[in-house]
N, C-alpha and C. Protein backbone atom coordinates (compact mmCIF):
# COMPACT_ATOMS: atom_id res chain seq x y z
N MET A 1 125.71 78.33 87.87
CA MET A 1 124.91 78.51 86.76
C MET A 1 125.02 77.00 86.07
N THR A 2 126.06 76.38 85.78
CA THR A 2 126.24 75.11 85.26
C THR A 2 125.57 74.16 86.04
N ASP A 3 125.51 74.06 87.23
CA ASP A 3 124.76 73.09 87.99
C ASP A 3 123.19 73.28 87.80
N ALA A 4 122.82 74.61 87.76
CA ALA A 4 121.45 74.89 87.60
C ALA A 4 120.95 74.44 86.27
N ARG A 5 121.71 74.57 85.21
CA ARG A 5 121.51 74.22 83.93
C ARG A 5 121.34 72.70 83.74
N GLY A 6 122.24 71.99 84.48
CA GLY A 6 122.25 70.54 84.59
C GLY A 6 120.92 70.05 85.30
N ARG A 7 120.63 70.72 86.41
CA ARG A 7 119.26 70.19 87.01
C ARG A 7 118.17 70.46 86.17
N SER A 8 118.03 71.49 85.50
CA SER A 8 117.07 71.71 84.53
C SER A 8 116.96 70.73 83.61
N THR A 9 118.12 70.49 82.91
CA THR A 9 118.19 69.40 81.80
C THR A 9 117.68 68.04 82.35
N ASP A 10 118.11 67.65 83.49
CA ASP A 10 117.65 66.39 84.16
C ASP A 10 116.15 66.44 84.41
N LEU A 11 115.74 67.49 84.79
CA LEU A 11 114.20 67.67 85.01
C LEU A 11 113.38 67.36 83.62
N VAL A 12 113.88 67.96 82.77
CA VAL A 12 113.22 67.74 81.33
C VAL A 12 113.40 66.27 80.93
N ARG A 13 114.57 65.73 81.01
CA ARG A 13 114.65 64.41 80.56
C ARG A 13 113.80 63.39 81.50
N GLY A 14 113.76 63.79 82.83
CA GLY A 14 112.87 62.95 83.66
C GLY A 14 111.43 63.08 83.13
N GLY A 15 111.01 64.26 82.88
CA GLY A 15 109.56 64.46 82.58
C GLY A 15 109.31 63.73 81.24
N VAL A 16 110.15 63.70 80.31
CA VAL A 16 110.04 62.98 79.07
C VAL A 16 109.82 61.53 79.27
N VAL A 17 110.73 61.00 80.05
CA VAL A 17 110.81 59.62 80.37
C VAL A 17 109.55 59.20 81.13
N VAL A 18 109.14 60.04 81.98
CA VAL A 18 107.81 59.69 82.62
C VAL A 18 106.57 59.81 81.76
N ALA A 19 106.54 60.93 80.99
CA ALA A 19 105.43 61.03 80.13
C ALA A 19 105.34 59.95 79.10
N GLY A 20 106.44 59.73 78.49
CA GLY A 20 106.57 58.72 77.38
C GLY A 20 106.16 57.33 77.99
N GLY A 21 106.61 56.97 79.24
CA GLY A 21 106.25 55.77 79.88
C GLY A 21 104.77 55.59 80.31
N ALA A 22 104.35 56.82 80.82
CA ALA A 22 102.86 56.83 81.20
C ALA A 22 101.96 56.55 79.80
N VAL A 23 102.13 57.19 78.66
CA VAL A 23 101.51 56.92 77.47
C VAL A 23 101.50 55.52 77.08
N THR A 24 102.80 54.89 77.13
CA THR A 24 102.99 53.53 76.71
C THR A 24 102.14 52.56 77.60
N VAL A 25 102.08 52.83 78.82
CA VAL A 25 101.36 52.02 79.72
C VAL A 25 99.90 52.18 79.65
N ALA A 26 99.44 53.57 79.45
CA ALA A 26 98.02 53.86 79.47
C ALA A 26 97.27 53.26 78.24
N LEU A 27 97.94 53.33 77.00
CA LEU A 27 97.04 52.99 75.76
C LEU A 27 96.69 51.60 75.93
N PRO A 28 97.26 50.60 76.34
CA PRO A 28 96.79 49.32 76.31
C PRO A 28 95.53 49.16 77.27
N GLN A 29 95.36 50.05 78.25
CA GLN A 29 94.17 49.97 78.94
C GLN A 29 92.83 50.26 78.26
N THR A 30 93.08 50.84 76.98
CA THR A 30 91.87 51.16 76.24
C THR A 30 91.78 50.11 75.26
N PHE A 31 92.58 49.12 75.11
CA PHE A 31 92.35 48.04 74.12
C PHE A 31 91.24 46.98 74.50
N PRO A 32 90.30 46.70 73.53
CA PRO A 32 89.35 45.63 73.87
C PRO A 32 90.04 44.33 74.29
N ALA A 33 89.23 43.48 74.76
CA ALA A 33 89.76 42.18 75.39
C ALA A 33 90.48 41.45 74.40
N ASP A 34 89.97 41.46 73.03
CA ASP A 34 90.58 40.56 71.97
C ASP A 34 91.90 41.50 71.42
N GLY A 35 92.20 42.61 71.98
CA GLY A 35 93.28 43.35 71.29
C GLY A 35 93.04 43.98 70.01
N GLY A 36 91.67 44.06 69.51
CA GLY A 36 91.36 44.66 68.48
C GLY A 36 91.33 46.24 68.43
N PRO A 37 90.79 46.73 67.36
CA PRO A 37 90.90 48.18 67.12
C PRO A 37 90.09 48.98 68.26
N THR A 38 90.54 50.08 68.69
CA THR A 38 89.77 50.86 69.56
C THR A 38 88.96 51.93 68.73
N ALA A 39 88.15 52.65 69.47
CA ALA A 39 87.31 53.65 68.74
C ALA A 39 88.25 54.70 68.09
N ALA A 40 89.26 54.97 68.79
CA ALA A 40 90.40 55.87 68.31
C ALA A 40 91.17 55.47 66.96
N ASP A 41 91.50 54.15 66.91
CA ASP A 41 91.90 53.29 65.87
C ASP A 41 91.08 53.47 64.66
N ARG A 42 89.76 53.28 64.79
CA ARG A 42 88.84 53.10 63.83
C ARG A 42 88.57 54.62 63.19
N ALA A 43 88.63 55.69 64.05
CA ALA A 43 88.51 57.04 63.62
C ALA A 43 89.66 57.51 62.90
N VAL A 44 90.97 57.04 63.17
CA VAL A 44 91.92 57.40 62.41
C VAL A 44 92.10 56.61 61.07
N ALA A 45 91.70 55.35 61.08
CA ALA A 45 91.82 54.56 59.85
C ALA A 45 90.82 54.85 58.86
N ALA A 46 89.64 55.29 59.16
CA ALA A 46 88.51 55.49 58.27
C ALA A 46 88.97 56.39 57.16
N PRO A 47 89.37 57.71 57.42
CA PRO A 47 89.63 58.58 56.38
C PRO A 47 90.79 58.17 55.54
N ILE A 48 91.76 57.37 56.09
CA ILE A 48 93.01 56.97 55.33
C ILE A 48 92.50 55.98 54.22
N HIS A 49 91.71 54.99 54.74
CA HIS A 49 91.16 53.98 53.76
C HIS A 49 90.25 54.71 52.70
N SER A 50 89.52 55.52 53.28
CA SER A 50 88.59 56.34 52.26
C SER A 50 89.32 57.00 51.07
N ALA A 51 90.41 57.64 51.35
CA ALA A 51 91.13 58.51 50.53
C ALA A 51 92.24 57.67 49.73
N LEU A 52 92.72 56.48 50.17
CA LEU A 52 93.84 55.86 49.47
C LEU A 52 93.69 54.57 49.23
N ASP A 53 92.71 53.81 49.51
CA ASP A 53 92.54 52.49 49.38
C ASP A 53 92.72 52.18 47.89
N ALA A 54 92.19 53.10 46.96
CA ALA A 54 92.18 52.91 45.59
C ALA A 54 93.44 52.90 45.00
N HIS A 55 94.45 53.26 45.77
CA HIS A 55 95.83 53.51 45.24
C HIS A 55 96.78 52.66 46.31
N PRO A 56 96.74 51.30 46.40
CA PRO A 56 97.56 50.70 47.35
C PRO A 56 99.14 50.92 47.19
N GLY A 57 99.51 51.19 46.03
CA GLY A 57 100.96 51.30 45.78
C GLY A 57 101.56 52.47 46.67
N ILE A 58 100.59 53.52 46.87
CA ILE A 58 100.95 54.70 47.80
C ILE A 58 101.40 54.21 49.27
N TYR A 59 100.54 53.30 49.70
CA TYR A 59 100.83 52.73 51.05
C TYR A 59 102.26 52.08 51.13
N HIS A 60 102.63 51.29 50.20
CA HIS A 60 103.83 50.64 50.09
C HIS A 60 105.03 51.63 50.10
N ALA A 61 104.73 52.67 49.32
CA ALA A 61 105.70 53.80 49.26
C ALA A 61 106.00 54.51 50.65
N LEU A 62 104.82 54.74 51.20
CA LEU A 62 104.98 55.49 52.52
C LEU A 62 105.56 54.66 53.62
N VAL A 63 105.59 53.54 53.68
CA VAL A 63 106.10 52.77 54.65
C VAL A 63 107.62 52.53 54.43
N ILE A 64 108.22 52.84 53.41
CA ILE A 64 109.64 52.58 53.02
C ILE A 64 110.50 53.33 54.10
N PRO A 65 110.47 54.52 54.48
CA PRO A 65 111.31 55.06 55.53
C PRO A 65 111.39 54.32 56.92
N SER A 66 110.59 53.34 57.26
CA SER A 66 110.55 52.54 58.37
C SER A 66 111.30 51.21 58.24
N ASN A 67 111.64 50.90 56.97
CA ASN A 67 112.33 49.64 56.72
C ASN A 67 113.76 49.80 57.06
N GLY A 68 114.27 48.45 57.53
CA GLY A 68 115.56 48.43 58.04
C GLY A 68 116.63 48.99 57.11
N TYR A 69 116.45 48.70 55.76
CA TYR A 69 117.41 48.96 54.75
C TYR A 69 117.50 50.51 54.60
N ILE A 70 116.61 51.27 55.27
CA ILE A 70 116.76 52.67 55.33
C ILE A 70 117.07 53.25 56.59
N VAL A 71 116.57 52.52 57.61
CA VAL A 71 116.87 53.00 58.96
C VAL A 71 118.30 52.83 59.47
N LEU A 72 118.82 51.58 59.21
CA LEU A 72 120.16 51.18 59.68
C LEU A 72 121.27 52.04 58.88
N PRO A 73 121.16 52.20 57.54
CA PRO A 73 122.18 53.26 57.08
C PRO A 73 122.15 54.59 57.63
N LEU A 74 120.98 54.92 57.93
CA LEU A 74 120.83 56.36 58.56
C LEU A 74 121.55 56.19 60.01
N LEU A 75 121.46 55.23 60.73
CA LEU A 75 122.05 54.99 62.02
C LEU A 75 123.57 54.90 61.58
N VAL A 76 123.99 54.10 60.72
CA VAL A 76 125.52 54.20 60.56
C VAL A 76 125.94 55.47 60.15
N ALA A 77 125.26 56.32 59.37
CA ALA A 77 125.56 57.68 58.92
C ALA A 77 125.73 58.55 60.07
N GLY A 78 124.81 58.46 61.06
CA GLY A 78 124.94 59.32 62.30
C GLY A 78 126.08 58.80 63.16
N VAL A 79 126.41 57.70 63.31
CA VAL A 79 127.58 57.13 63.94
C VAL A 79 129.00 57.83 63.26
N ALA A 80 129.01 57.61 61.90
CA ALA A 80 130.08 58.12 61.07
C ALA A 80 130.28 59.62 61.32
N TRP A 81 129.11 60.26 61.39
CA TRP A 81 129.08 61.82 61.64
C TRP A 81 129.92 62.08 62.97
N PHE A 82 129.47 61.46 64.07
CA PHE A 82 130.05 61.73 65.22
C PHE A 82 131.57 61.23 65.29
N LEU A 83 131.90 60.20 64.54
CA LEU A 83 133.31 59.82 64.48
C LEU A 83 134.21 60.83 63.84
N TYR A 84 133.62 61.38 62.74
CA TYR A 84 134.21 62.33 62.10
C TYR A 84 134.59 63.53 62.84
N ARG A 85 133.76 63.72 63.70
CA ARG A 85 133.81 64.99 64.53
C ARG A 85 134.62 64.72 65.85
N ARG A 86 135.00 63.45 65.97
CA ARG A 86 135.76 62.93 67.15
C ARG A 86 135.02 63.02 68.53
N ARG A 87 133.78 62.71 68.30
CA ARG A 87 132.92 62.53 69.49
C ARG A 87 132.58 61.13 69.73
N TRP A 88 133.60 60.54 70.24
CA TRP A 88 133.70 59.04 70.37
C TRP A 88 132.51 58.47 71.26
N TRP A 89 132.29 59.06 72.44
CA TRP A 89 131.39 58.66 73.27
C TRP A 89 129.87 58.76 72.73
N CYS A 90 129.57 59.72 71.98
CA CYS A 90 128.27 59.95 71.21
C CYS A 90 128.26 59.02 70.25
N ALA A 91 129.24 58.54 69.41
CA ALA A 91 129.21 57.73 68.41
C ALA A 91 128.90 56.19 69.02
N ALA A 92 129.50 55.84 70.11
CA ALA A 92 129.15 54.57 70.72
C ALA A 92 127.82 54.65 71.24
N THR A 93 127.41 55.58 71.87
CA THR A 93 125.94 55.66 72.39
C THR A 93 124.87 55.44 71.34
N LEU A 94 125.15 56.18 70.26
CA LEU A 94 124.17 56.10 69.12
C LEU A 94 124.25 54.81 68.52
N ALA A 95 125.36 54.09 68.43
CA ALA A 95 125.44 52.76 67.95
C ALA A 95 124.71 51.80 68.66
N VAL A 96 124.67 51.97 69.95
CA VAL A 96 124.18 50.93 70.99
C VAL A 96 122.72 51.26 71.34
N VAL A 97 122.29 52.47 71.61
CA VAL A 97 121.09 52.80 72.30
C VAL A 97 119.85 52.39 71.33
N PRO A 98 119.74 52.82 70.22
CA PRO A 98 118.71 52.34 69.41
C PRO A 98 118.39 50.92 69.08
N GLU A 99 119.45 50.22 69.03
CA GLU A 99 119.17 48.69 69.05
C GLU A 99 119.01 48.11 70.30
N LEU A 100 119.38 48.57 71.38
CA LEU A 100 119.05 48.22 72.64
C LEU A 100 117.50 48.33 72.97
N VAL A 101 117.10 49.57 72.55
CA VAL A 101 115.45 50.04 72.64
C VAL A 101 114.73 49.00 71.75
N VAL A 102 115.19 48.73 70.58
CA VAL A 102 114.42 47.83 69.76
C VAL A 102 114.37 46.36 70.48
N ALA A 103 115.42 45.87 71.18
CA ALA A 103 115.57 44.60 71.70
C ALA A 103 114.59 44.58 72.99
N ILE A 104 114.61 45.75 73.82
CA ILE A 104 113.67 45.73 74.79
C ILE A 104 112.13 45.71 74.46
N ASN A 105 112.00 46.38 73.33
CA ASN A 105 110.64 46.44 72.73
C ASN A 105 110.15 44.94 72.32
N THR A 106 111.11 44.39 71.78
CA THR A 106 110.78 43.05 71.05
C THR A 106 110.62 41.98 72.24
N LEU A 107 111.50 41.94 73.15
CA LEU A 107 111.74 40.84 74.22
C LEU A 107 110.80 41.16 75.33
N VAL A 108 110.58 42.46 75.71
CA VAL A 108 109.80 42.78 76.92
C VAL A 108 108.34 43.46 76.78
N LEU A 109 108.40 44.49 75.99
CA LEU A 109 107.19 45.17 75.93
C LEU A 109 106.14 44.43 74.98
N LYS A 110 106.32 43.93 73.94
CA LYS A 110 105.43 43.21 73.12
C LYS A 110 104.83 41.91 73.89
N PRO A 111 105.75 41.15 74.31
CA PRO A 111 105.05 40.02 75.12
C PRO A 111 104.34 40.39 76.39
N LEU A 112 104.76 41.65 76.93
CA LEU A 112 104.00 42.19 78.08
C LEU A 112 102.50 42.30 77.76
N TRP A 113 102.35 43.05 76.65
CA TRP A 113 101.01 43.35 76.40
C TRP A 113 100.28 42.57 75.39
N GLU A 114 101.01 41.74 74.51
CA GLU A 114 100.60 40.82 73.80
C GLU A 114 99.35 40.98 73.00
N ARG A 115 99.55 42.17 72.14
CA ARG A 115 98.40 42.45 71.44
C ARG A 115 98.51 41.78 69.95
N PRO A 116 97.85 40.70 69.63
CA PRO A 116 97.93 40.05 68.37
C PRO A 116 97.54 40.75 67.18
N LEU A 117 98.32 40.64 66.10
CA LEU A 117 97.68 41.23 64.85
C LEU A 117 98.32 40.34 63.59
N HIS A 118 97.52 39.62 62.89
CA HIS A 118 97.98 38.68 61.85
C HIS A 118 98.72 37.54 62.66
N ASP A 119 100.02 37.50 62.32
CA ASP A 119 100.71 36.39 63.14
C ASP A 119 101.92 37.04 63.92
N TYR A 120 101.65 38.17 64.37
CA TYR A 120 102.74 38.90 65.10
C TYR A 120 102.04 39.77 66.32
N LEU A 121 103.04 40.09 67.30
CA LEU A 121 102.52 40.94 68.26
C LEU A 121 102.68 42.32 67.93
N ALA A 122 101.66 43.24 67.91
CA ALA A 122 101.59 44.56 67.23
C ALA A 122 102.13 45.74 68.07
N TYR A 123 101.81 45.71 69.49
CA TYR A 123 102.05 46.77 70.27
C TYR A 123 103.26 46.63 71.09
N PRO A 124 104.01 47.67 71.30
CA PRO A 124 104.30 48.84 70.55
C PRO A 124 104.85 48.36 69.17
N SER A 125 104.56 49.20 68.19
CA SER A 125 104.96 48.87 66.77
C SER A 125 106.54 49.04 66.68
N GLY A 126 107.05 47.81 66.19
CA GLY A 126 108.49 47.69 66.16
C GLY A 126 109.19 48.63 65.11
N HIS A 127 108.64 48.77 63.98
CA HIS A 127 109.04 49.63 63.02
C HIS A 127 109.32 51.05 63.43
N THR A 128 108.04 51.45 64.26
CA THR A 128 107.94 52.74 64.66
C THR A 128 109.11 52.94 65.83
N VAL A 129 109.19 52.06 66.64
CA VAL A 129 110.22 52.20 67.63
C VAL A 129 111.62 52.27 67.05
N GLN A 130 112.02 51.52 66.12
CA GLN A 130 113.34 51.67 65.45
C GLN A 130 113.56 53.10 64.95
N LEU A 131 112.66 53.51 64.12
CA LEU A 131 112.83 54.84 63.47
C LEU A 131 112.86 55.90 64.43
N VAL A 132 112.03 55.93 65.47
CA VAL A 132 111.97 57.11 66.40
C VAL A 132 113.14 57.00 67.39
N ALA A 133 113.56 55.83 67.76
CA ALA A 133 114.70 55.63 68.57
C ALA A 133 116.03 56.18 68.00
N VAL A 134 116.20 55.86 66.66
CA VAL A 134 117.30 56.38 66.02
C VAL A 134 117.44 58.02 65.94
N ALA A 135 116.21 58.49 65.61
CA ALA A 135 115.94 59.96 65.42
C ALA A 135 116.09 60.63 66.76
N THR A 136 115.63 60.02 67.91
CA THR A 136 115.61 60.80 69.04
C THR A 136 117.02 60.63 69.76
N ALA A 137 117.71 59.39 69.59
CA ALA A 137 119.14 59.38 70.03
C ALA A 137 119.97 60.39 69.38
N PHE A 138 119.83 60.59 68.00
CA PHE A 138 120.69 61.56 67.38
C PHE A 138 120.46 63.00 67.93
N VAL A 139 119.08 63.32 67.98
CA VAL A 139 118.68 64.60 68.55
C VAL A 139 119.33 64.99 69.84
N LEU A 140 119.22 63.99 70.73
CA LEU A 140 119.73 64.13 72.04
C LEU A 140 121.27 64.30 72.14
N LEU A 141 122.05 63.64 71.27
CA LEU A 141 123.52 63.69 71.28
C LEU A 141 124.02 64.70 70.44
N THR A 142 123.54 65.06 69.43
CA THR A 142 124.13 66.19 68.74
C THR A 142 124.20 67.60 69.35
N ASP A 143 125.20 68.32 69.09
CA ASP A 143 125.32 69.59 69.79
C ASP A 143 125.00 70.77 68.67
N SER A 144 124.53 70.26 67.39
CA SER A 144 124.30 71.26 66.39
C SER A 144 122.81 71.46 66.44
N ARG A 145 122.44 72.63 66.61
CA ARG A 145 121.00 73.10 66.76
C ARG A 145 120.34 72.90 65.27
N ARG A 146 121.12 73.23 64.22
CA ARG A 146 120.59 73.02 62.92
C ARG A 146 120.22 71.59 62.69
N ALA A 147 121.24 70.59 62.95
CA ALA A 147 121.05 69.20 62.73
C ALA A 147 119.87 68.81 63.71
N ARG A 148 119.74 69.20 64.90
CA ARG A 148 118.60 68.87 65.59
C ARG A 148 117.34 69.22 65.10
N ARG A 149 117.25 70.53 64.49
CA ARG A 149 115.90 70.90 63.96
C ARG A 149 115.46 70.13 62.82
N ILE A 150 116.47 69.91 61.90
CA ILE A 150 116.36 69.20 60.73
C ILE A 150 115.89 67.77 61.00
N THR A 151 116.50 67.06 61.95
CA THR A 151 116.14 65.82 62.36
C THR A 151 114.77 65.64 62.85
N VAL A 152 114.53 66.61 63.73
CA VAL A 152 112.95 66.55 64.34
C VAL A 152 111.86 66.72 63.25
N ALA A 153 112.10 67.70 62.23
CA ALA A 153 111.34 68.02 61.41
C ALA A 153 111.26 66.75 60.35
N LEU A 154 112.15 66.27 59.85
CA LEU A 154 112.14 65.21 58.91
C LEU A 154 111.63 63.86 59.56
N GLY A 155 112.02 63.81 60.87
CA GLY A 155 111.61 62.59 61.51
C GLY A 155 110.03 62.67 61.89
N ALA A 156 109.49 63.76 62.11
CA ALA A 156 108.11 63.83 62.26
C ALA A 156 107.38 63.70 61.07
N ILE A 157 107.85 64.35 59.99
CA ILE A 157 107.14 64.06 58.65
C ILE A 157 107.25 62.52 58.29
N ALA A 158 108.44 61.93 58.44
CA ALA A 158 108.59 60.47 58.10
C ALA A 158 107.75 59.70 58.88
N LEU A 159 107.56 59.98 60.26
CA LEU A 159 106.55 59.30 61.19
C LEU A 159 105.24 59.25 60.74
N VAL A 160 104.79 60.48 60.21
CA VAL A 160 103.42 60.57 59.85
C VAL A 160 103.06 59.81 58.61
N LEU A 161 104.00 59.92 57.64
CA LEU A 161 103.77 59.12 56.33
C LEU A 161 103.84 57.80 56.52
N VAL A 162 104.78 57.10 57.36
CA VAL A 162 104.86 55.85 57.63
C VAL A 162 103.66 55.29 58.41
N ALA A 163 103.12 56.16 59.23
CA ALA A 163 101.91 55.72 59.98
C ALA A 163 100.72 55.53 59.17
N ILE A 164 100.58 56.50 58.20
CA ILE A 164 99.53 56.28 57.08
C ILE A 164 99.73 55.11 56.29
N GLY A 165 100.99 54.70 55.83
CA GLY A 165 101.21 53.45 55.15
C GLY A 165 100.83 52.20 55.95
N MET A 166 101.38 52.22 57.23
CA MET A 166 101.19 50.99 58.00
C MET A 166 99.71 50.82 58.36
N ILE A 167 99.04 51.80 58.59
CA ILE A 167 97.43 51.76 58.87
C ILE A 167 96.87 51.34 57.63
N GLY A 168 97.28 51.87 56.54
CA GLY A 168 96.54 51.59 55.23
C GLY A 168 96.76 50.10 54.83
N LEU A 169 97.93 49.56 55.06
CA LEU A 169 98.20 48.17 54.70
C LEU A 169 97.84 47.28 55.77
N GLY A 170 97.30 47.72 56.91
CA GLY A 170 96.91 46.73 57.99
C GLY A 170 98.04 46.18 58.87
N TYR A 171 99.26 46.86 58.65
CA TYR A 171 100.34 46.40 59.53
C TYR A 171 100.19 46.71 60.97
N HIS A 172 99.70 47.83 61.25
CA HIS A 172 99.60 48.28 62.49
C HIS A 172 98.25 49.24 62.77
N LEU A 173 97.88 49.28 63.90
CA LEU A 173 96.80 50.19 64.29
C LEU A 173 97.38 51.52 64.85
N ALA A 174 96.61 52.53 64.76
CA ALA A 174 97.14 53.84 65.10
C ALA A 174 97.67 53.85 66.60
N THR A 175 96.95 53.07 67.63
CA THR A 175 97.65 53.04 68.92
C THR A 175 98.89 52.26 69.10
N ASP A 176 99.05 51.22 68.20
CA ASP A 176 100.36 50.63 68.09
C ASP A 176 101.39 51.68 67.81
N ILE A 177 101.18 52.53 66.88
CA ILE A 177 102.27 53.39 66.27
C ILE A 177 102.53 54.61 67.46
N ALA A 178 101.23 54.99 67.97
CA ALA A 178 101.36 56.04 69.15
C ALA A 178 102.27 55.45 70.37
N GLY A 179 101.87 54.14 70.67
CA GLY A 179 102.63 53.54 71.64
C GLY A 179 104.06 53.42 71.48
N GLY A 180 104.33 52.95 70.26
CA GLY A 180 105.68 52.82 69.66
C GLY A 180 106.49 54.08 69.92
N THR A 181 105.82 55.28 69.48
CA THR A 181 106.50 56.40 69.44
C THR A 181 106.87 56.79 70.94
N ALA A 182 105.79 56.66 71.84
CA ALA A 182 106.05 57.22 73.22
C ALA A 182 107.21 56.21 73.83
N ALA A 183 107.07 54.94 73.59
CA ALA A 183 107.97 53.97 74.14
C ALA A 183 109.42 54.23 73.64
N ALA A 184 109.55 54.57 72.47
CA ALA A 184 110.94 54.80 71.81
C ALA A 184 111.41 56.11 72.43
N ILE A 185 110.74 57.17 72.65
CA ILE A 185 111.28 58.30 73.15
C ILE A 185 111.52 58.17 74.57
N ALA A 186 110.70 57.50 75.35
CA ALA A 186 110.99 57.34 76.77
C ALA A 186 112.26 56.45 77.07
N MET A 187 112.40 55.20 76.19
CA MET A 187 113.54 54.42 76.50
C MET A 187 114.77 55.08 76.00
N THR A 188 114.74 55.73 74.79
CA THR A 188 115.94 56.29 74.31
C THR A 188 116.47 57.37 75.13
N THR A 189 115.45 58.19 75.63
CA THR A 189 116.07 59.26 76.52
C THR A 189 116.66 58.74 77.69
N ALA A 190 115.96 57.74 78.29
CA ALA A 190 116.55 57.23 79.48
C ALA A 190 117.85 56.58 79.34
N LEU A 191 118.04 55.93 78.25
CA LEU A 191 119.39 55.27 78.10
C LEU A 191 120.44 56.25 77.74
N VAL A 192 120.08 57.18 77.00
CA VAL A 192 121.12 58.37 76.62
C VAL A 192 121.54 59.08 77.84
N TRP A 193 120.51 59.28 78.83
CA TRP A 193 120.73 59.84 80.02
C TRP A 193 121.78 58.94 80.91
N CYS A 194 121.34 57.61 80.91
CA CYS A 194 122.28 56.82 81.70
C CYS A 194 123.74 56.90 81.01
N ALA A 195 123.84 56.90 79.70
CA ALA A 195 125.18 57.01 79.09
C ALA A 195 125.83 58.19 79.49
N ALA A 196 125.10 59.32 79.56
CA ALA A 196 125.74 60.58 79.96
C ALA A 196 126.25 60.51 81.36
N LEU A 197 125.47 59.88 82.29
CA LEU A 197 125.91 59.80 83.70
C LEU A 197 127.01 58.79 83.81
N LEU A 198 127.16 57.80 83.04
CA LEU A 198 128.37 56.93 82.88
C LEU A 198 129.49 57.67 82.43
N ARG A 199 129.38 58.42 81.41
CA ARG A 199 130.59 59.18 80.89
C ARG A 199 131.08 60.18 81.86
N ALA A 200 130.18 60.89 82.63
CA ALA A 200 130.52 61.79 83.70
C ALA A 200 131.35 61.15 84.87
N ALA A 201 130.68 59.92 85.21
CA ALA A 201 131.29 59.12 86.27
C ALA A 201 132.82 58.79 85.78
N ALA A 202 132.87 58.30 84.48
CA ALA A 202 134.29 57.81 83.92
C ALA A 202 135.26 59.03 83.96
N VAL A 203 134.71 60.04 83.54
CA VAL A 203 135.70 61.27 83.54
C VAL A 203 136.07 61.71 84.97
N ARG A 204 135.09 61.68 85.87
CA ARG A 204 135.38 62.12 87.23
C ARG A 204 136.44 61.23 87.89
N PHE A 205 136.28 59.90 87.68
CA PHE A 205 137.22 58.82 88.31
C PHE A 205 138.42 58.36 87.57
N SER A 206 138.64 58.96 86.40
CA SER A 206 139.71 58.73 85.50
C SER A 206 141.03 58.99 86.27
N PRO A 207 142.01 58.26 86.00
CA PRO A 207 143.41 58.39 86.55
C PRO A 207 143.84 59.76 86.25
N ALA A 208 143.69 60.42 85.00
CA ALA A 208 144.19 61.69 84.58
C ALA A 208 143.45 62.64 85.53
N ARG A 209 142.30 62.57 85.84
CA ARG A 209 141.44 63.47 86.55
C ARG A 209 141.89 63.49 88.11
N ARG A 210 142.10 62.19 88.62
CA ARG A 210 142.66 62.17 89.99
C ARG A 210 144.00 62.74 90.13
N HIS A 211 145.04 62.52 89.00
CA HIS A 211 146.26 63.07 89.11
C HIS A 211 146.29 64.52 89.08
N SER A 212 145.31 65.23 88.35
CA SER A 212 145.28 66.57 88.28
C SER A 212 144.93 67.30 89.71
N ARG A 213 144.21 66.41 90.45
CA ARG A 213 143.72 67.11 91.76
C ARG A 213 144.84 66.96 92.78
N ARG A 214 145.97 66.17 92.45
CA ARG A 214 147.00 66.17 93.50
C ARG A 214 147.98 67.27 93.54
C-alpha cells in the first residue's frame, strides 16, 4: 500500500513538472518577433486598464504582496514554522528551493527567451516566480491539510491581485505572469521532489539504518 501511494505521488509530481514545463516552453512560441504583447495579453489588459486606470494607486497597492519585503519574511516565517515543529529537512528545503528557483529563472530562463520590456527581461515574471515558488514549496512540504488549503487559497488570491497590479502598471504582460506561475510550480515541484529523494537516500544509507539491519 505504501509503495502504491508513493508511486501515485510520484506520478502526480511528474505530471505537474511536465505540464508546468510545457506551458513555460509553449507560451514564448506565441510571442511576436519583437516580444511585444500577444492577442491574449491585449485581451486581458484591456478591461483592467478600462476599469482601474483612473485610480493608479490601486495598482501600486495590488503589487505589494509580490515585493521582496513581503515575500521574504513569509519565507522566513515558513522556515521558522518547520523549525518549531522540528522538521529540520523541510525547513532546510523551504529555505533553499524558492531562492534556487528564482536564481534559475533569472540566470537561465529569462536570457533563454529574452523578452524585453522597458529595461529588463520580462519572461517569466521574476516577482511571480518568487511568490509562487514560496507558496508551492510550503504547500508541498507541510503535512497540515488546513495550512495547505489556506496557503493555496491565499496564494491564488494574491497572485490574481498582483497580476492585475503588474499589468496595470505595465510591469508585465499576462503571458509573463502565466509563464512565471507555470515555471515556478514546475521547478519548485521538481526540486522538492529531488530533496525528498535525497532525504530518503540519506535515511536508507545512514550508519544507524545499516546498523539496525545487522
